[in-house]
Amino acid sequence: MESLFEQMGGTYHWEGDVRIPDLVLSDTTDYHVGKYGRLRHRYLKEHRRVLFNIMLTNETLAKHVADIDAACRERLEVLIPAMAKQEGVTEQLKATDQMEWVRRMNSIKNRAEEIVLQELVYD
């Protein structure tokens, strides 16, 4: 008797005493996923389990986390210089007081990253 998988056109191969279904992914693109993509993946897996499973079975999860990663990096590239300009962190400050410039830029980077995480990764 054929299984439902075989009735739908699926095939199996034998590995020892076990029949393994021959499954092939339709999307074999190798996506670049950085820090923010990995955070989004973990968030979906731990807190939005149903959405994670839907995206996993539809083969859209890898593209989604890659898109989120790219969007986060692009948003940071806009936010950090804008916040630095608004707060008066300039090259002049960098030339006169490097430690103050580093302190203020680290503060700006941390706040910008927190904004990006809340807007894009954890929504």
PDB file of N, CA and C in Angstrom:
ATOM      1  N   MET A   1       0.841  -1.180   0.000  1.00  0.00           N
ATOM      2  CA  MET A   1       0.000   0.000   0.000  1.00  0.00           C
ATOM      3  C   MET A   1       0.888   1.246   0.000  1.00  0.00           C
ATOM      4  N   GLU A   2       0.582   2.172  -0.899  1.00  0.00           N
ATOM      5  CA  GLU A   2       1.345   3.411  -1.006  1.00  0.00           C
ATOM      6  C   GLU A   2       0.971   4.375   0.099  1.00  0.00           C
ATOM      7  N   SER A   3       1.965   5.110   0.565  1.00  0.00           N
ATOM      8  CA  SER A   3       1.696   6.148   1.558  1.00  0.00           C
ATOM      9  C   SER A   3       1.110   7.370   0.855  1.00  0.00           C
ATOM     10  N   LEU A   4       0.564   8.277   1.630  1.00  0.00           N
ATOM     11  CA  LEU A   4       0.017   9.516   1.080  1.00  0.00           C
ATOM     12  C   LEU A   4       1.111  10.300   0.355  1.00  0.00           C
ATOM     13  N   PHE A   5       2.315  10.280   0.913  1.00  0.00           N
ATOM     14  CA  PHE A   5       3.456  10.965   0.296  1.00  0.00           C
ATOM     15  C   PHE A   5       3.729  10.409  -1.094  1.00  0.00           C
ATOM     16  N   GLU A   6       3.674   9.089  -1.226  1.00  0.00           N
ATOM     17  CA  GLU A   6       3.902   8.468  -2.536  1.00  0.00           C
ATOM     18  C   GLU A   6       2.747   8.744  -3.489  1.00  0.00           C
ATOM     19  N   GLN A   7       1.530   8.783  -2.976  1.00  0.00           N
ATOM     20  CA  GLN A   7       0.374   9.093  -3.812  1.00  0.00           C
ATOM     21  C   GLN A   7       0.457  10.504  -4.379  1.00  0.00           C
ATOM     22  N   MET A   8       1.094  11.398  -3.636  1.00  0.00           N
ATOM     23  CA  MET A   8       1.240  12.782  -4.088  1.00  0.00           C
ATOM     24  C   MET A   8       2.488  12.965  -4.965  1.00  0.00           C
ATOM     25  N   GLY A   9       3.174  11.884  -5.302  1.00  0.00           N
ATOM     26  CA  GLY A   9       4.315  11.961  -6.194  1.00  0.00           C
ATOM     27  C   GLY A   9       5.662  11.933  -5.497  1.00  0.00           C
ATOM     28  N   GLY A  10       5.683  11.772  -4.194  1.00  0.00           N
ATOM     29  CA  GLY A  10       6.929  11.720  -3.445  1.00  0.00           C
ATOM     30  C   GLY A  10       7.621  10.380  -3.594  1.00  0.00           C
ATOM     31  N   THR A  11       8.926  10.400  -3.393  1.00  0.00           N
ATOM     32  CA  THR A  11       9.699   9.166  -3.478  1.00  0.00           C
ATOM     33  C   THR A  11      10.544   9.005  -2.221  1.00  0.00           C
ATOM     34  N   TYR A  12      10.987   7.778  -1.998  1.00  0.00           N
ATOM     35  CA  TYR A  12      11.828   7.452  -0.843  1.00  0.00           C
ATOM     36  C   TYR A  12      13.115   6.820  -1.334  1.00  0.00           C
ATOM     37  N   HIS A  13      14.127   6.799  -0.480  1.00  0.00           N
ATOM     38  CA  HIS A  13      15.317   5.987  -0.722  1.00  0.00           C
ATOM     39  C   HIS A  13      15.654   5.258   0.574  1.00  0.00           C
ATOM     40  N   TRP A  14      16.346   4.157   0.421  1.00  0.00           N
ATOM     41  CA  TRP A  14      16.683   3.329   1.579  1.00  0.00           C
ATOM     42  C   TRP A  14      18.051   3.718   2.119  1.00  0.00           C
ATOM     43  N   GLU A  15      18.143   3.835   3.429  1.00  0.00           N
ATOM     44  CA  GLU A  15      19.417   3.978   4.131  1.00  0.00           C
ATOM     45  C   GLU A  15      19.423   2.936   5.228  1.00  0.00           C
ATOM     46  N   GLY A  16      20.077   1.826   4.944  1.00  0.00           N
ATOM     47  CA  GLY A  16      20.035   0.704   5.872  1.00  0.00           C
ATOM     48  C   GLY A  16      18.653   0.093   5.862  1.00  0.00           C
ATOM     49  N   ASP A  17      18.015   0.026   7.028  1.00  0.00           N
ATOM     50  CA  ASP A  17      16.669  -0.530   7.141  1.00  0.00           C
ATOM     51  C   ASP A  17      15.582   0.543   7.180  1.00  0.00           C
ATOM     52  N   VAL A  18      15.939   1.784   6.896  1.00  0.00           N
ATOM     53  CA  VAL A  18      14.998   2.906   7.033  1.00  0.00           C
ATOM     54  C   VAL A  18      14.757   3.558   5.673  1.00  0.00           C
ATOM     55  N   ARG A  19      13.482   3.846   5.391  1.00  0.00           N
ATOM     56  CA  ARG A  19      13.127   4.578   4.177  1.00  0.00           C
ATOM     57  C   ARG A  19      13.109   6.074   4.500  1.00  0.00           C
ATOM     58  N   ILE A  20      13.892   6.848   3.757  1.00  0.00           N
ATOM     59  CA  ILE A  20      13.997   8.291   3.958  1.00  0.00           C
ATOM     60  C   ILE A  20      13.318   8.989   2.788  1.00  0.00           C
ATOM     61  N   PRO A  21      12.409   9.959   3.060  1.00  0.00           N
ATOM     62  CA  PRO A  21      11.774  10.672   1.944  1.00  0.00           C
ATOM     63  C   PRO A  21      12.785  11.557   1.216  1.00  0.00           C
ATOM     64  N   ASP A  22      12.663  11.627  -0.096  1.00  0.00           N
ATOM     65  CA  ASP A  22      13.518  12.478  -0.916  1.00  0.00           C
ATOM     66  C   ASP A  22      12.892  13.872  -0.953  1.00  0.00           C
ATOM     67  N   LEU A  23      13.374  14.740  -0.085  1.00  0.00           N
ATOM     68  CA  LEU A  23      12.848  16.095   0.011  1.00  0.00           C
ATOM     69  C   LEU A  23      13.881  17.071  -0.537  1.00  0.00           C
ATOM     70  N   VAL A  24      13.412  18.056  -1.278  1.00  0.00           N
ATOM     71  CA  VAL A  24      14.289  19.057  -1.864  1.00  0.00           C
ATOM     72  C   VAL A  24      13.687  20.429  -1.582  1.00  0.00           C
ATOM     73  N   LEU A  25      14.531  21.351  -1.106  1.00  0.00           N
ATOM     74  CA  LEU A  25      14.082  22.720  -0.885  1.00  0.00           C
ATOM     75  C   LEU A  25      13.942  23.423  -2.225  1.00  0.00           C
ATOM     76  N   SER A  26      12.893  24.228  -2.359  1.00  0.00           N
ATOM     77  CA  SER A  26      12.717  24.959  -3.608  1.00  0.00           C
ATOM     78  C   SER A  26      13.609  26.197  -3.646  1.00  0.00           C
ATOM     79  N   ASP A  27      13.878  26.811  -2.484  1.00  0.00           N
ATOM     80  CA  ASP A  27      14.722  28.001  -2.417  1.00  0.00           C
ATOM     81  C   ASP A  27      16.067  27.611  -1.823  1.00  0.00           C
ATOM     82  N   THR A  28      17.085  27.540  -2.667  1.00  0.00           N
ATOM     83  CA  THR A  28      18.406  27.133  -2.193  1.00  0.00           C
ATOM     84  C   THR A  28      19.381  28.309  -2.162  1.00  0.00           C
ATOM     85  N   THR A  29      18.860  29.528  -2.152  1.00  0.00           N
ATOM     86  CA  THR A  29      19.699  30.716  -2.085  1.00  0.00           C
ATOM     87  C   THR A  29      20.419  30.760  -0.749  1.00  0.00           C
ATOM     88  N   ASP A  30      21.676  31.141  -0.783  1.00  0.00           N
ATOM     89  CA  ASP A  30      22.469  31.265   0.436  1.00  0.00           C
ATOM     90  C   ASP A  30      22.385  32.711   0.914  1.00  0.00           C
ATOM     91  N   TYR A  31      21.578  32.958   1.931  1.00  0.00           N
ATOM     92  CA  TYR A  31      21.375  34.303   2.447  1.00  0.00           C
ATOM     93  C   TYR A  31      22.423  34.654   3.493  1.00  0.00           C
ATOM     94  N   HIS A  32      22.875  35.924   3.477  1.00  0.00           N
ATOM     95  CA  HIS A  32      23.797  36.414   4.503  1.00  0.00           C
ATOM     96  C   HIS A  32      22.967  36.875   5.697  1.00  0.00           C
ATOM     97  N   VAL A  33      23.199  36.265   6.838  1.00  0.00           N
ATOM     98  CA  VAL A  33      22.464  36.629   8.052  1.00  0.00           C
ATOM     99  C   VAL A  33      23.479  37.035   9.110  1.00  0.00           C
ATOM    100  N   GLY A  34      23.376  38.264   9.563  1.00  0.00           N
ATOM    101  CA  GLY A  34      24.281  38.780  10.585  1.00  0.00           C
ATOM    102  C   GLY A  34      23.638  38.759  11.956  1.00  0.00           C
ATOM    103  N   LYS A  35      24.137  39.624  12.810  1.00  0.00           N
ATOM    104  CA  LYS A  35      23.710  39.693  14.209  1.00  0.00           C
ATOM    105  C   LYS A  35      22.203  39.920  14.342  1.00  0.00           C
ATOM    106  N   TYR A  36      21.687  40.889  13.621  1.00  0.00           N
ATOM    107  CA  TYR A  36      20.270  41.241  13.775  1.00  0.00           C
ATOM    108  C   TYR A  36      19.357  40.170  13.192  1.00  0.00           C
ATOM    109  N   GLY A  37      19.773  39.523  12.128  1.00  0.00           N
ATOM    110  CA  GLY A  37      19.008  38.413  11.575  1.00  0.00           C
ATOM    111  C   GLY A  37      18.945  37.239  12.538  1.00  0.00           C
ATOM    112  N   ARG A  38      20.082  36.960  13.189  1.00  0.00           N
ATOM    113  CA  ARG A  38      20.101  35.864  14.176  1.00  0.00           C
ATOM    114  C   ARG A  38      19.225  36.204  15.380  1.00  0.00           C
ATOM    115  N   LEU A  39      19.239  37.477  15.796  1.00  0.00           N
ATOM    116  CA  LEU A  39      18.372  37.882  16.906  1.00  0.00           C
ATOM    117  C   LEU A  39      16.901  37.731  16.531  1.00  0.00           C
ATOM    118  N   ARG A  40      16.552  38.124  15.300  1.00  0.00           N
ATOM    119  CA  ARG A  40      15.169  37.985  14.837  1.00  0.00           C
ATOM    120  C   ARG A  40      14.772  36.507  14.787  1.00  0.00           C
ATOM    121  N   HIS A  41      15.654  35.664  14.281  1.00  0.00           N
ATOM    122  CA  HIS A  41      15.393  34.225  14.211  1.00  0.00           C
ATOM    123  C   HIS A  41      15.122  33.668  15.606  1.00  0.00           C
ATOM    124  N   ARG A  42      15.972  34.021  16.570  1.00  0.00           N
ATOM    125  CA  ARG A  42      15.792  33.528  17.938  1.00  0.00           C
ATOM    126  C   ARG A  42      14.497  34.058  18.560  1.00  0.00           C
ATOM    127  N   TYR A  43      14.196  35.337  18.309  1.00  0.00           N
ATOM    128  CA  TYR A  43      12.960  35.918  18.835  1.00  0.00           C
ATOM    129  C   TYR A  43      11.741  35.180  18.287  1.00  0.00           C
ATOM    130  N   LEU A  44      11.706  34.956  16.980  1.00  0.00           N
ATOM    131  CA  LEU A  44      10.573  34.244  16.386  1.00  0.00           C
ATOM    132  C   LEU A  44      10.462  32.830  16.939  1.00  0.00           C
ATOM    133  N   LYS A  45      11.589  32.161  17.081  1.00  0.00           N
ATOM    134  CA  LYS A  45      11.590  30.778  17.566  1.00  0.00           C
ATOM    135  C   LYS A  45      11.115  30.681  19.005  1.00  0.00           C
ATOM    136  N   GLU A  46      11.495  31.646  19.843  1.00  0.00           N
ATOM    137  CA  GLU A  46      11.158  31.578  21.265  1.00  0.00           C
ATOM    138  C   GLU A  46       9.824  32.232  21.620  1.00  0.00           C
ATOM    139  N   HIS A  47       9.431  33.290  20.896  1.00  0.00           N
ATOM    140  CA  HIS A  47       8.260  34.059  21.315  1.00  0.00           C
ATOM    141  C   HIS A  47       7.110  34.076  20.311  1.00  0.00           C
ATOM    142  N   ARG A  48       7.377  33.781  19.059  1.00  0.00           N
ATOM    143  CA  ARG A  48       6.334  33.773  18.038  1.00  0.00           C
ATOM    144  C   ARG A  48       6.388  32.441  17.302  1.00  0.00           C
ATOM    145  N   ARG A  49       6.193  31.368  18.064  1.00  0.00           N
ATOM    146  CA  ARG A  49       6.398  30.006  17.588  1.00  0.00           C
ATOM    147  C   ARG A  49       5.544  29.664  16.357  1.00  0.00           C
ATOM    148  N   VAL A  50       4.295  30.084  16.334  1.00  0.00           N
ATOM    149  CA  VAL A  50       3.412  29.754  15.209  1.00  0.00           C
ATOM    150  C   VAL A  50       3.914  30.435  13.933  1.00  0.00           C
ATOM    151  N   LEU A  51       4.226  31.716  14.026  1.00  0.00           N
ATOM    152  CA  LEU A  51       4.748  32.445  12.869  1.00  0.00           C
ATOM    153  C   LEU A  51       6.067  31.827  12.401  1.00  0.00           C
ATOM    154  N   PHE A  52       6.919  31.455  13.348  1.00  0.00           N
ATOM    155  CA  PHE A  52       8.191  30.809  13.016  1.00  0.00           C
ATOM    156  C   PHE A  52       7.950  29.528  12.221  1.00  0.00           C
ATOM    157  N   ASN A  53       7.047  28.686  12.679  1.00  0.00           N
ATOM    158  CA  ASN A  53       6.758  27.415  11.991  1.00  0.00           C
ATOM    159  C   ASN A  53       6.131  27.630  10.619  1.00  0.00           C
ATOM    160  N   ILE A  54       5.250  28.617  10.506  1.00  0.00           N
ATOM    161  CA  ILE A  54       4.646  28.922   9.205  1.00  0.00           C
ATOM    162  C   ILE A  54       5.720  29.354   8.216  1.00  0.00           C
ATOM    163  N   MET A  55       6.593  30.267   8.656  1.00  0.00           N
ATOM    164  CA  MET A  55       7.653  30.757   7.769  1.00  0.00           C
ATOM    165  C   MET A  55       8.651  29.648   7.439  1.00  0.00           C
ATOM    166  N   LEU A  56       8.903  28.783   8.389  1.00  0.00           N
ATOM    167  CA  LEU A  56       9.829  27.670   8.161  1.00  0.00           C
ATOM    168  C   LEU A  56       9.274  26.709   7.121  1.00  0.00           C
ATOM    169  N   THR A  57       7.999  26.362   7.239  1.00  0.00           N
ATOM    170  CA  THR A  57       7.404  25.422   6.286  1.00  0.00           C
ATOM    171  C   THR A  57       7.161  26.055   4.921  1.00  0.00           C
ATOM    172  N   ASN A  58       6.949  27.367   4.869  1.00  0.00           N
ATOM    173  CA  ASN A  58       6.774  28.063   3.589  1.00  0.00           C
ATOM    174  C   ASN A  58       8.104  28.425   2.941  1.00  0.00           C
ATOM    175  N   GLU A  59       9.208  28.121   3.619  1.00  0.00           N
ATOM    176  CA  GLU A  59      10.557  28.428   3.154  1.00  0.00           C
ATOM    177  C   GLU A  59      10.779  29.921   2.965  1.00  0.00           C
ATOM    178  N   THR A  60      10.178  30.736   3.838  1.00  0.00           N
ATOM    179  CA  THR A  60      10.374  32.187   3.775  1.00  0.00           C
ATOM    180  C   THR A  60      11.178  32.703   4.962  1.00  0.00           C
ATOM    181  N   LEU A  61      11.504  31.838   5.906  1.00  0.00           N
ATOM    182  CA  LEU A  61      12.197  32.269   7.118  1.00  0.00           C
ATOM    183  C   LEU A  61      13.593  32.809   6.819  1.00  0.00           C
ATOM    184  N   ALA A  62      14.371  32.123   6.016  1.00  0.00           N
ATOM    185  CA  ALA A  62      15.739  32.550   5.731  1.00  0.00           C
ATOM    186  C   ALA A  62      15.759  33.913   5.046  1.00  0.00           C
ATOM    187  N   LYS A  63      14.883  34.117   4.080  1.00  0.00           N
ATOM    188  CA  LYS A  63      14.818  35.415   3.397  1.00  0.00           C
ATOM    189  C   LYS A  63      14.356  36.499   4.356  1.00  0.00           C
ATOM    190  N   HIS A  64      13.394  36.182   5.215  1.00  0.00           N
ATOM    191  CA  HIS A  64      12.882  37.159   6.172  1.00  0.00           C
ATOM    192  C   HIS A  64      13.980  37.633   7.124  1.00  0.00           C
ATOM    193  N   VAL A  65      14.721  36.712   7.723  1.00  0.00           N
ATOM    194  CA  VAL A  65      15.751  37.127   8.675  1.00  0.00           C
ATOM    195  C   VAL A  65      16.885  37.864   7.962  1.00  0.00           C
ATOM    196  N   ALA A  66      17.187  37.506   6.714  1.00  0.00           N
ATOM    197  CA  ALA A  66      18.198  38.242   5.948  1.00  0.00           C
ATOM    198  C   ALA A  66      17.720  39.663   5.648  1.00  0.00           C
ATOM    199  N   ASP A  67      16.431  39.806   5.312  1.00  0.00           N
ATOM    200  CA  ASP A  67      15.867  41.132   5.055  1.00  0.00           C
ATOM    201  C   ASP A  67      15.862  41.987   6.313  1.00  0.00           C
ATOM    202  N   ILE A  68      15.515  41.390   7.449  1.00  0.00           N
ATOM    203  CA  ILE A  68      15.520  42.125   8.719  1.00  0.00           C
ATOM    204  C   ILE A  68      16.940  42.566   9.053  1.00  0.00           C
ATOM    205  N   ASP A  69      17.909  41.692   8.856  1.00  0.00           N
ATOM    206  CA  ASP A  69      19.305  42.038   9.129  1.00  0.00           C
ATOM    207  C   ASP A  69      19.748  43.224   8.275  1.00  0.00           C
ATOM    208  N   ALA A  70      19.433  43.189   6.993  1.00  0.00           N
ATOM    209  CA  ALA A  70      19.806  44.291   6.093  1.00  0.00           C
ATOM    210  C   ALA A  70      19.098  45.583   6.485  1.00  0.00           C
ATOM    211  N   ALA A  71      17.813  45.491   6.830  1.00  0.00           N
ATOM    212  CA  ALA A  71      17.055  46.676   7.220  1.00  0.00           C
ATOM    213  C   ALA A  71      17.622  47.298   8.503  1.00  0.00           C
ATOM    214  N   CYS A  72      18.020  46.468   9.444  1.00  0.00           N
ATOM    215  CA  CYS A  72      18.598  46.972  10.696  1.00  0.00           C
ATOM    216  C   CYS A  72      19.909  47.699  10.426  1.00  0.00           C
ATOM    217  N   ARG A  73      20.760  47.109   9.605  1.00  0.00           N
ATOM    218  CA  ARG A  73      22.045  47.744   9.307  1.00  0.00           C
ATOM    219  C   ARG A  73      21.843  49.065   8.565  1.00  0.00           C
ATOM    220  N   GLU A  74      20.900  49.097   7.629  1.00  0.00           N
ATOM    221  CA  GLU A  74      20.616  50.340   6.902  1.00  0.00           C
ATOM    222  C   GLU A  74      20.069  51.415   7.837  1.00  0.00           C
ATOM    223  N   ARG A  75      19.186  51.017   8.738  1.00  0.00           N
ATOM    224  CA  ARG A  75      18.598  51.974   9.691  1.00  0.00           C
ATOM    225  C   ARG A  75      19.666  52.533  10.623  1.00  0.00           C
ATOM    226  N   LEU A  76      20.597  51.690  11.058  1.00  0.00           N
ATOM    227  CA  LEU A  76      21.684  52.165  11.916  1.00  0.00           C
ATOM    228  C   LEU A  76      22.590  53.145  11.178  1.00  0.00           C
ATOM    229  N   GLU A  77      22.834  52.890   9.899  1.00  0.00           N
ATOM    230  CA  GLU A  77      23.666  53.797   9.108  1.00  0.00           C
ATOM    231  C   GLU A  77      23.049  55.182   8.983  1.00  0.00           C
ATOM    232  N   VAL A  78      21.740  55.277   9.091  1.00  0.00           N
ATOM    233  CA  VAL A  78      21.053  56.564   9.036  1.00  0.00           C
ATOM    234  C   VAL A  78      20.957  57.182  10.435  1.00  0.00           C
ATOM    235  N   LEU A  79      20.597  56.367  11.417  1.00  0.00           N
ATOM    236  CA  LEU A  79      20.365  56.877  12.771  1.00  0.00           C
ATOM    237  C   LEU A  79      21.613  57.421  13.460  1.00  0.00           C
ATOM    238  N   ILE A  80      22.708  56.685  13.396  1.00  0.00           N
ATOM    239  CA  ILE A  80      23.905  57.076  14.146  1.00  0.00           C
ATOM    240  C   ILE A  80      24.432  58.445  13.708  1.00  0.00           C
ATOM    241  N   PRO A  81      24.638  58.697  12.413  1.00  0.00           N
ATOM    242  CA  PRO A  81      25.103  60.042  12.038  1.00  0.00           C
ATOM    243  C   PRO A  81      24.092  61.139  12.371  1.00  0.00           C
ATOM    244  N   ALA A  82      22.794  60.839  12.226  1.00  0.00           N
ATOM    245  CA  ALA A  82      21.773  61.841  12.536  1.00  0.00           C
ATOM    246  C   ALA A  82      21.787  62.195  14.025  1.00  0.00           C
ATOM    247  N   MET A  83      21.900  61.178  14.875  1.00  0.00           N
ATOM    248  CA  MET A  83      21.942  61.425  16.314  1.00  0.00           C
ATOM    249  C   MET A  83      23.233  62.144  16.702  1.00  0.00           C
ATOM    250  N   ALA A  84      24.349  61.795  16.071  1.00  0.00           N
ATOM    251  CA  ALA A  84      25.622  62.460  16.362  1.00  0.00           C
ATOM    252  C   ALA A  84      25.545  63.935  15.971  1.00  0.00           C
ATOM    253  N   LYS A  85      24.959  64.218  14.832  1.00  0.00           N
ATOM    254  CA  LYS A  85      24.818  65.608  14.397  1.00  0.00           C
ATOM    255  C   LYS A  85      23.912  66.390  15.347  1.00  0.00           C
ATOM    256  N   GLN A  86      22.804  65.761  15.751  1.00  0.00           N
ATOM    257  CA  GLN A  86      21.854  66.420  16.649  1.00  0.00           C
ATOM    258  C   GLN A  86      22.484  66.735  18.002  1.00  0.00           C
ATOM    259  N   GLU A  87      23.382  65.875  18.471  1.00  0.00           N
ATOM    260  CA  GLU A  87      23.993  66.056  19.782  1.00  0.00           C
ATOM    261  C   GLU A  87      25.339  66.777  19.718  1.00  0.00           C
ATOM    262  N   GLY A  88      25.738  67.202  18.528  1.00  0.00           N
ATOM    263  CA  GLY A  88      26.958  67.985  18.395  1.00  0.00           C
ATOM    264  C   GLY A  88      28.241  67.191  18.523  1.00  0.00           C
ATOM    265  N   VAL A  89      28.201  65.918  18.199  1.00  0.00           N
ATOM    266  CA  VAL A  89      29.409  65.087  18.230  1.00  0.00           C
ATOM    267  C   VAL A  89      30.054  65.212  16.851  1.00  0.00           C
ATOM    268  N   THR A  90      31.150  65.971  16.787  1.00  0.00           N
ATOM    269  CA  THR A  90      31.778  66.306  15.511  1.00  0.00           C
ATOM    270  C   THR A  90      33.217  65.816  15.455  1.00  0.00           C
ATOM    271  N   GLU A  91      33.801  65.977  14.278  1.00  0.00           N
ATOM    272  CA  GLU A  91      35.220  65.665  14.112  1.00  0.00           C
ATOM    273  C   GLU A  91      36.074  66.623  14.945  1.00  0.00           C
ATOM    274  N   GLN A  92      35.583  67.819  15.154  1.00  0.00           N
ATOM    275  CA  GLN A  92      36.298  68.788  16.005  1.00  0.00           C
ATOM    276  C   GLN A  92      36.424  68.241  17.430  1.00  0.00           C
ATOM    277  N   LEU A  93      35.343  67.689  17.957  1.00  0.00           N
ATOM    278  CA  LEU A  93      35.379  67.081  19.291  1.00  0.00           C
ATOM    279  C   LEU A  93      36.340  65.893  19.299  1.00  0.00           C
ATOM    280  N   LYS A  94      36.334  65.120  18.234  1.00  0.00           N
ATOM    281  CA  LYS A  94      37.226  63.966  18.135  1.00  0.00           C
ATOM    282  C   LYS A  94      38.694  64.407  18.177  1.00  0.00           C
ATOM    283  N   ALA A  95      38.987  65.527  17.538  1.00  0.00           N
ATOM    284  CA  ALA A  95      40.364  66.024  17.502  1.00  0.00           C
ATOM    285  C   ALA A  95      40.804  66.594  18.852  1.00  0.00           C
ATOM    286  N   THR A  96      39.863  67.210  19.564  1.00  0.00           N
ATOM    287  CA  THR A  96      40.242  67.865  20.824  1.00  0.00           C
ATOM    288  C   THR A  96      40.140  66.950  22.037  1.00  0.00           C
ATOM    289  N   ASP A  97      39.130  66.087  22.083  1.00  0.00           N
ATOM    290  CA  ASP A  97      38.931  65.227  23.263  1.00  0.00           C
ATOM    291  C   ASP A  97      38.439  63.852  22.797  1.00  0.00           C
ATOM    292  N   GLN A  98      39.385  62.975  22.477  1.00  0.00           N
ATOM    293  CA  GLN A  98      39.031  61.673  21.921  1.00  0.00           C
ATOM    294  C   GLN A  98      38.202  60.827  22.872  1.00  0.00           C
ATOM    295  N   MET A  99      38.545  60.828  24.145  1.00  0.00           N
ATOM    296  CA  MET A  99      37.800  59.990  25.096  1.00  0.00           C
ATOM    297  C   MET A  99      36.350  60.443  25.223  1.00  0.00           C
ATOM    298  N   GLU A 100      36.101  61.735  25.217  1.00  0.00           N
ATOM    299  CA  GLU A 100      34.732  62.252  25.276  1.00  0.00           C
ATOM    300  C   GLU A 100      33.980  61.869  24.000  1.00  0.00           C
ATOM    301  N   TRP A 101      34.673  61.969  22.850  1.00  0.00           N
ATOM    302  CA  TRP A 101      34.045  61.601  21.584  1.00  0.00           C
ATOM    303  C   TRP A 101      33.666  60.118  21.584  1.00  0.00           C
ATOM    304  N   VAL A 102      34.573  59.266  22.051  1.00  0.00           N
ATOM    305  CA  VAL A 102      34.306  57.825  22.107  1.00  0.00           C
ATOM    306  C   VAL A 102      33.147  57.542  23.049  1.00  0.00           C
ATOM    307  N   ARG A 103      33.128  58.171  24.219  1.00  0.00           N
ATOM    308  CA  ARG A 103      32.043  57.963  25.181  1.00  0.00           C
ATOM    309  C   ARG A 103      30.694  58.336  24.572  1.00  0.00           C
ATOM    310  N   ARG A 104      30.647  59.491  23.936  1.00  0.00           N
ATOM    311  CA  ARG A 104      29.385  59.962  23.360  1.00  0.00           C
ATOM    312  C   ARG A 104      28.956  59.120  22.152  1.00  0.00           C
ATOM    313  N   MET A 105      29.912  58.707  21.324  1.00  0.00           N
ATOM    314  CA  MET A 105      29.572  57.867  20.164  1.00  0.00           C
ATOM    315  C   MET A 105      29.100  56.483  20.615  1.00  0.00           C
ATOM    316  N   ASN A 106      29.711  55.919  21.637  1.00  0.00           N
ATOM    317  CA  ASN A 106      29.238  54.635  22.165  1.00  0.00           C
ATOM    318  C   ASN A 106      27.829  54.761  22.708  1.00  0.00           C
ATOM    319  N   SER A 107      27.542  55.858  23.382  1.00  0.00           N
ATOM    320  CA  SER A 107      26.193  56.091  23.897  1.00  0.00           C
ATOM    321  C   SER A 107      25.196  56.194  22.741  1.00  0.00           C
ATOM    322  N   ILE A 108      25.567  56.929  21.716  1.00  0.00           N
ATOM    323  CA  ILE A 108      24.687  57.082  20.544  1.00  0.00           C
ATOM    324  C   ILE A 108      24.468  55.731  19.856  1.00  0.00           C
ATOM    325  N   LYS A 109      25.542  54.975  19.681  1.00  0.00           N
ATOM    326  CA  LYS A 109      25.423  53.666  19.024  1.00  0.00           C
ATOM    327  C   LYS A 109      24.513  52.737  19.816  1.00  0.00           C
ATOM    328  N   ASN A 110      24.666  52.715  21.139  1.00  0.00           N
ATOM    329  CA  ASN A 110      23.827  51.849  21.977  1.00  0.00           C
ATOM    330  C   ASN A 110      22.360  52.251  21.905  1.00  0.00           C
ATOM    331  N   ARG A 111      22.090  53.560  21.947  1.00  0.00           N
ATOM    332  CA  ARG A 111      20.695  54.014  21.872  1.00  0.00           C
ATOM    333  C   ARG A 111      20.098  53.732  20.498  1.00  0.00           C
ATOM    334  N   ALA A 112      20.874  53.945  19.441  1.00  0.00           N
ATOM    335  CA  ALA A 112      20.382  53.674  18.085  1.00  0.00           C
ATOM    336  C   ALA A 112      20.105  52.184  17.909  1.00  0.00           C
ATOM    337  N   GLU A 113      20.987  51.350  18.442  1.00  0.00           N
ATOM    338  CA  GLU A 113      20.782  49.903  18.336  1.00  0.00           C
ATOM    339  C   GLU A 113      19.527  49.479  19.101  1.00  0.00           C
ATOM    340  N   GLU A 114      19.291  50.072  20.254  1.00  0.00           N
ATOM    341  CA  GLU A 114      18.088  49.748  21.026  1.00  0.00           C
ATOM    342  C   GLU A 114      16.824  50.139  20.259  1.00  0.00           C
ATOM    343  N   ILE A 115      16.858  51.274  19.581  1.00  0.00           N
ATOM    344  CA  ILE A 115      15.722  51.712  18.759  1.00  0.00           C
ATOM    345  C   ILE A 115      15.474  50.704  17.634  1.00  0.00           C
ATOM    346  N   VAL A 116      16.537  50.312  16.951  1.00  0.00           N
ATOM    347  CA  VAL A 116      16.415  49.370  15.834  1.00  0.00           C
ATOM    348  C   VAL A 116      15.891  48.024  16.321  1.00  0.00           C
ATOM    349  N   LEU A 117      16.406  47.551  17.448  1.00  0.00           N
ATOM    350  CA  LEU A 117      15.942  46.264  17.975  1.00  0.00           C
ATOM    351  C   LEU A 117      14.447  46.305  18.292  1.00  0.00           C
ATOM    352  N   GLN A 118      13.991  47.378  18.924  1.00  0.00           N
ATOM    353  CA  GLN A 118      12.571  47.468  19.265  1.00  0.00           C
ATOM    354  C   GLN A 118      11.689  47.641  18.032  1.00  0.00           C
ATOM    355  N   GLU A 119      12.146  48.414  17.049  1.00  0.00           N
ATOM    356  CA  GLU A 119      11.321  48.675  15.865  1.00  0.00           C
ATOM    357  C   GLU A 119      11.279  47.498  14.893  1.00  0.00           C
ATOM    358  N   LEU A 120      12.412  46.838  14.698  1.00  0.00           N
ATOM    359  CA  LEU A 120      12.483  45.841  13.630  1.00  0.00           C
ATOM    360  C   LEU A 120      12.605  44.396  14.106  1.00  0.00           C
ATOM    361  N   VAL A 121      13.364  44.162  15.144  1.00  0.00           N
ATOM    362  CA  VAL A 121      13.637  42.778  15.537  1.00  0.00           C
ATOM    363  C   VAL A 121      12.547  42.237  16.457  1.00  0.00           C
ATOM    364  N   TYR A 122      12.150  43.009  17.446  1.00  0.00           N
ATOM    365  CA  TYR A 122      11.231  42.505  18.456  1.00  0.00           C
ATOM    366  C   TYR A 122       9.801  42.999  18.284  1.00  0.00           C
ATOM    367  N   ASP A 123       9.377  43.301  17.068  1.00  0.00           N
ATOM    368  CA  ASP A 123       7.985  43.740  16.892  1.00  0.00           C
ATOM    369  C   ASP A 123       7.085  42.593  16.557  1.00  0.00           C
TER     370      ASP A 123
END
